[in-house]
C-alpha cells in the first residue's frame, strides 16, 4: 500500500481542547482502519507542525478522504504528502531515461 505522511497543526479550537487530543487520535485511528488504512507511526513534534502521522492507504483517493475527514473535525489543519519507500525511490531513479 502507498505510504502517506500527514503534517498537522492544531487550530485555535484544537489547542484550546488539547487534553481531548488523545481521544481524537483514537477516533482518527478507528476512522483510518474503517477506510482500509493503517496508521504506522504517530509523533508529537516541535517546529512548524504539532503532529506527524505516517499512514498506509489503499490509494491516493482514500488518503485524501481520510485527510478531509480529519480536517473537517476542526481541531487540526493537515497537509498530506505521498511518501516513497527507499525501494520505490530506487525503482523510480532506475527507470529514468
N, C-alpha and C. Protein backbone atom coordinates (compact mmCIF):
# COMPACT_ATOMS: atom_id res chain seq x y z
N UNK A 1 0.84 -1.19 0.00
CA UNK A 1 0.00 0.00 0.00
C UNK A 1 0.88 1.24 0.00
N UNK A 2 0.45 2.29 -0.69
CA UNK A 2 1.20 3.53 -0.68
C UNK A 2 1.29 4.13 0.73
N UNK A 3 2.37 4.84 0.97
CA UNK A 3 2.60 5.49 2.27
C UNK A 3 2.35 6.98 2.14
N UNK A 4 1.76 7.55 3.18
CA UNK A 4 1.48 8.98 3.22
C UNK A 4 1.94 9.55 4.55
N UNK A 5 2.48 10.76 4.49
CA UNK A 5 2.90 11.49 5.69
C UNK A 5 1.96 12.68 5.83
N UNK A 6 1.33 12.79 6.98
CA UNK A 6 0.43 13.91 7.24
C UNK A 6 1.05 14.81 8.30
N UNK A 7 1.16 16.08 7.96
CA UNK A 7 1.65 17.10 8.88
C UNK A 7 0.42 17.85 9.38
N UNK A 8 0.29 17.94 10.70
CA UNK A 8 -0.91 18.57 11.26
C UNK A 8 -0.53 19.67 12.25
N UNK A 9 -1.33 20.72 12.22
CA UNK A 9 -1.18 21.82 13.18
C UNK A 9 -2.51 22.01 13.87
N UNK A 10 -2.47 22.18 15.20
CA UNK A 10 -3.70 22.43 15.93
C UNK A 10 -4.28 23.78 15.54
N UNK A 11 -5.57 23.83 15.40
CA UNK A 11 -6.28 25.09 15.22
C UNK A 11 -6.47 25.71 16.60
N UNK A 12 -7.04 26.90 16.65
CA UNK A 12 -7.36 27.50 17.95
C UNK A 12 -8.26 26.58 18.76
N UNK A 13 -9.24 25.98 18.08
CA UNK A 13 -10.14 25.04 18.75
C UNK A 13 -9.37 23.81 19.26
N UNK A 14 -8.45 23.31 18.44
CA UNK A 14 -7.70 22.12 18.81
C UNK A 14 -6.79 22.33 20.01
N UNK A 15 -6.10 23.46 20.05
CA UNK A 15 -5.19 23.71 21.17
C UNK A 15 -5.98 24.07 22.43
N UNK A 16 -7.12 24.73 22.25
CA UNK A 16 -7.96 25.06 23.40
C UNK A 16 -8.43 23.79 24.10
N UNK A 17 -8.66 22.74 23.33
CA UNK A 17 -9.13 21.45 23.85
C UNK A 17 -8.06 20.37 23.71
N UNK A 18 -6.81 20.75 23.92
CA UNK A 18 -5.69 19.83 23.67
C UNK A 18 -5.76 18.57 24.54
N UNK A 19 -6.37 18.67 25.71
CA UNK A 19 -6.47 17.49 26.56
C UNK A 19 -7.36 16.41 25.95
N UNK A 20 -8.17 16.79 24.98
CA UNK A 20 -9.01 15.83 24.26
C UNK A 20 -8.27 15.18 23.09
N UNK A 21 -7.05 15.64 22.84
CA UNK A 21 -6.29 15.17 21.69
C UNK A 21 -6.08 13.65 21.67
N UNK A 22 -5.75 13.00 22.80
CA UNK A 22 -5.59 11.54 22.74
C UNK A 22 -6.88 10.83 22.29
N UNK A 23 -8.01 11.31 22.72
CA UNK A 23 -9.28 10.71 22.29
C UNK A 23 -9.50 10.94 20.80
N UNK A 24 -9.11 12.14 20.32
CA UNK A 24 -9.23 12.42 18.88
C UNK A 24 -8.30 11.51 18.07
N UNK A 25 -7.11 11.24 18.61
CA UNK A 25 -6.19 10.32 17.94
C UNK A 25 -6.80 8.93 17.85
N UNK A 26 -7.40 8.46 18.94
CA UNK A 26 -8.05 7.15 18.93
C UNK A 26 -9.16 7.10 17.88
N UNK A 27 -9.95 8.17 17.80
CA UNK A 27 -11.03 8.24 16.81
C UNK A 27 -10.45 8.24 15.39
N UNK A 28 -9.35 8.99 15.20
CA UNK A 28 -8.68 9.02 13.89
C UNK A 28 -8.25 7.62 13.48
N UNK A 29 -7.65 6.89 14.41
CA UNK A 29 -7.20 5.53 14.11
C UNK A 29 -8.36 4.63 13.71
N UNK A 30 -9.50 4.78 14.38
CA UNK A 30 -10.68 3.97 14.05
C UNK A 30 -11.20 4.32 12.66
N UNK A 31 -11.26 5.62 12.35
CA UNK A 31 -11.72 6.03 11.02
C UNK A 31 -10.76 5.51 9.96
N UNK A 32 -9.46 5.66 10.21
CA UNK A 32 -8.46 5.17 9.25
C UNK A 32 -8.65 3.68 8.99
N UNK A 33 -8.79 2.92 10.04
CA UNK A 33 -8.97 1.47 9.89
C UNK A 33 -10.24 1.14 9.11
N UNK A 34 -11.32 1.87 9.38
CA UNK A 34 -12.58 1.62 8.68
C UNK A 34 -12.48 1.93 7.19
N UNK A 35 -11.49 2.77 6.82
CA UNK A 35 -11.28 3.11 5.41
C UNK A 35 -10.23 2.22 4.76
N UNK A 36 -9.73 1.24 5.49
CA UNK A 36 -8.73 0.34 4.94
C UNK A 36 -7.31 0.86 5.05
N UNK A 37 -7.10 1.87 5.90
CA UNK A 37 -5.78 2.45 6.10
C UNK A 37 -5.13 1.86 7.35
N UNK A 38 -3.83 1.99 7.42
CA UNK A 38 -3.08 1.54 8.59
C UNK A 38 -2.23 2.69 9.10
N UNK A 39 -2.41 3.06 10.37
CA UNK A 39 -1.57 4.09 10.98
C UNK A 39 -0.28 3.41 11.42
N UNK A 40 0.82 3.79 10.76
CA UNK A 40 2.11 3.17 11.06
C UNK A 40 2.84 3.86 12.19
N UNK A 41 2.80 5.20 12.22
CA UNK A 41 3.52 5.97 13.23
C UNK A 41 2.77 7.25 13.54
N UNK A 42 2.94 7.71 14.78
CA UNK A 42 2.39 8.99 15.23
C UNK A 42 3.47 9.68 16.05
N UNK A 43 3.66 10.98 15.80
CA UNK A 43 4.66 11.75 16.54
C UNK A 43 4.10 13.11 16.93
N UNK A 44 4.32 13.49 18.17
CA UNK A 44 4.15 14.87 18.59
C UNK A 44 5.49 15.53 18.30
N UNK A 45 5.48 16.65 17.58
CA UNK A 45 6.74 17.26 17.15
C UNK A 45 6.79 18.74 17.52
N UNK A 46 7.98 19.29 17.45
CA UNK A 46 8.16 20.72 17.66
C UNK A 46 8.48 21.36 16.32
N UNK A 47 8.29 22.65 16.22
CA UNK A 47 8.58 23.35 14.98
C UNK A 47 7.32 23.88 14.34
N UNK A 48 7.27 23.84 13.02
CA UNK A 48 6.14 24.41 12.28
C UNK A 48 4.86 23.60 12.41
N UNK A 49 4.97 22.33 12.77
CA UNK A 49 3.81 21.46 12.90
C UNK A 49 3.77 20.90 14.31
N UNK A 50 2.60 20.41 14.70
CA UNK A 50 2.41 19.84 16.03
C UNK A 50 2.43 18.31 16.01
N UNK A 51 1.98 17.73 14.90
CA UNK A 51 1.81 16.28 14.80
C UNK A 51 2.27 15.82 13.43
N UNK A 52 2.91 14.64 13.40
CA UNK A 52 3.23 13.96 12.16
C UNK A 52 2.66 12.55 12.26
N UNK A 53 1.90 12.15 11.25
CA UNK A 53 1.33 10.80 11.21
C UNK A 53 1.74 10.14 9.91
N UNK A 54 2.19 8.90 10.01
CA UNK A 54 2.55 8.11 8.83
C UNK A 54 1.49 7.02 8.69
N UNK A 55 0.85 7.01 7.53
CA UNK A 55 -0.19 6.01 7.27
C UNK A 55 0.07 5.30 5.95
N UNK A 56 -0.52 4.13 5.85
CA UNK A 56 -0.60 3.44 4.57
C UNK A 56 -2.06 3.45 4.18
N UNK A 57 -2.33 3.73 2.91
CA UNK A 57 -3.70 3.77 2.40
C UNK A 57 -3.77 2.97 1.11
N UNK A 58 -4.93 2.43 0.80
CA UNK A 58 -5.06 1.64 -0.43
C UNK A 58 -4.70 2.43 -1.69
N UNK A 59 -4.96 3.77 -1.65
CA UNK A 59 -4.70 4.61 -2.82
C UNK A 59 -4.75 6.08 -2.39
N UNK A 60 -4.42 6.96 -3.31
CA UNK A 60 -4.41 8.38 -3.02
C UNK A 60 -5.78 8.95 -2.70
N UNK A 61 -6.80 8.44 -3.36
CA UNK A 61 -8.17 8.92 -3.11
C UNK A 61 -8.56 8.65 -1.66
N UNK A 62 -8.25 7.48 -1.16
CA UNK A 62 -8.58 7.15 0.23
C UNK A 62 -7.79 8.02 1.20
N UNK A 63 -6.53 8.27 0.89
CA UNK A 63 -5.71 9.13 1.75
C UNK A 63 -6.28 10.54 1.81
N UNK A 64 -6.76 11.05 0.69
CA UNK A 64 -7.37 12.38 0.66
C UNK A 64 -8.66 12.39 1.47
N UNK A 65 -9.47 11.36 1.33
CA UNK A 65 -10.71 11.27 2.11
C UNK A 65 -10.41 11.27 3.61
N UNK A 66 -9.39 10.52 4.02
CA UNK A 66 -9.02 10.47 5.43
C UNK A 66 -8.56 11.84 5.91
N UNK A 67 -7.77 12.52 5.10
CA UNK A 67 -7.29 13.86 5.45
C UNK A 67 -8.45 14.84 5.56
N UNK A 68 -9.37 14.81 4.62
CA UNK A 68 -10.53 15.71 4.65
C UNK A 68 -11.42 15.41 5.85
N UNK A 69 -11.64 14.15 6.13
CA UNK A 69 -12.46 13.78 7.29
C UNK A 69 -11.82 14.27 8.57
N UNK A 70 -10.50 14.17 8.65
CA UNK A 70 -9.78 14.62 9.84
C UNK A 70 -9.87 16.14 9.99
N UNK A 71 -9.61 16.86 8.93
CA UNK A 71 -9.66 18.32 8.98
C UNK A 71 -11.04 18.86 9.24
N UNK A 72 -12.06 18.14 8.80
CA UNK A 72 -13.44 18.64 8.97
C UNK A 72 -13.88 18.65 10.43
N UNK A 73 -13.14 17.97 11.30
CA UNK A 73 -13.44 18.00 12.72
C UNK A 73 -13.13 19.33 13.36
N UNK A 74 -12.28 20.12 12.72
CA UNK A 74 -11.98 21.47 13.18
C UNK A 74 -10.84 21.60 14.18
N UNK A 75 -10.26 20.50 14.62
CA UNK A 75 -9.20 20.57 15.64
C UNK A 75 -7.81 20.72 15.03
N UNK A 76 -7.64 20.29 13.78
CA UNK A 76 -6.33 20.38 13.12
C UNK A 76 -6.48 20.80 11.67
N UNK A 77 -5.40 21.38 11.15
CA UNK A 77 -5.25 21.62 9.72
C UNK A 77 -4.18 20.64 9.26
N UNK A 78 -4.40 20.02 8.12
CA UNK A 78 -3.49 18.98 7.67
C UNK A 78 -2.89 19.27 6.30
N UNK A 79 -1.72 18.70 6.09
CA UNK A 79 -1.09 18.64 4.78
C UNK A 79 -0.63 17.19 4.64
N UNK A 80 -1.07 16.55 3.56
CA UNK A 80 -0.75 15.15 3.37
C UNK A 80 0.15 15.00 2.15
N UNK A 81 1.22 14.25 2.33
CA UNK A 81 2.24 14.06 1.31
C UNK A 81 2.35 12.58 0.96
N UNK A 82 2.47 12.27 -0.31
CA UNK A 82 2.74 10.88 -0.72
C UNK A 82 4.21 10.64 -0.46
N UNK A 83 4.53 9.57 0.23
CA UNK A 83 5.92 9.22 0.54
C UNK A 83 6.28 7.94 -0.21
N UNK A 84 7.52 7.87 -0.66
CA UNK A 84 8.00 6.70 -1.36
C UNK A 84 9.08 6.03 -0.53
N UNK A 85 8.98 4.73 -0.38
CA UNK A 85 9.98 3.97 0.38
C UNK A 85 11.31 4.00 -0.36
N UNK A 86 12.35 3.55 0.31
CA UNK A 86 13.66 3.50 -0.34
C UNK A 86 13.63 2.61 -1.58
N UNK A 87 12.98 1.47 -1.50
CA UNK A 87 12.94 0.59 -2.67
C UNK A 87 12.15 1.23 -3.82
N UNK A 88 11.06 1.93 -3.50
CA UNK A 88 10.31 2.64 -4.54
C UNK A 88 11.15 3.75 -5.15
N UNK A 89 11.87 4.47 -4.31
CA UNK A 89 12.77 5.52 -4.77
C UNK A 89 13.80 4.95 -5.74
N UNK A 90 14.41 3.83 -5.37
CA UNK A 90 15.42 3.23 -6.23
C UNK A 90 14.83 2.80 -7.56
N UNK A 91 13.62 2.26 -7.55
CA UNK A 91 12.96 1.87 -8.80
C UNK A 91 12.67 3.09 -9.68
N UNK A 92 12.21 4.16 -9.07
CA UNK A 92 11.92 5.39 -9.81
C UNK A 92 13.20 5.92 -10.46
N UNK A 93 14.25 6.00 -9.69
CA UNK A 93 15.52 6.53 -10.21
C UNK A 93 16.06 5.62 -11.30
N UNK A 94 15.97 4.31 -11.10
CA UNK A 94 16.49 3.36 -12.08
C UNK A 94 15.73 3.43 -13.40
N UNK A 95 14.46 3.84 -13.36
CA UNK A 95 13.66 3.89 -14.57
C UNK A 95 13.78 5.20 -15.34
N UNK A 96 14.57 6.13 -14.83
CA UNK A 96 14.73 7.40 -15.54
C UNK A 96 15.44 7.18 -16.87
N UNK A 97 15.05 7.95 -17.88
CA UNK A 97 15.70 7.80 -19.21
C UNK A 97 17.15 8.27 -19.16
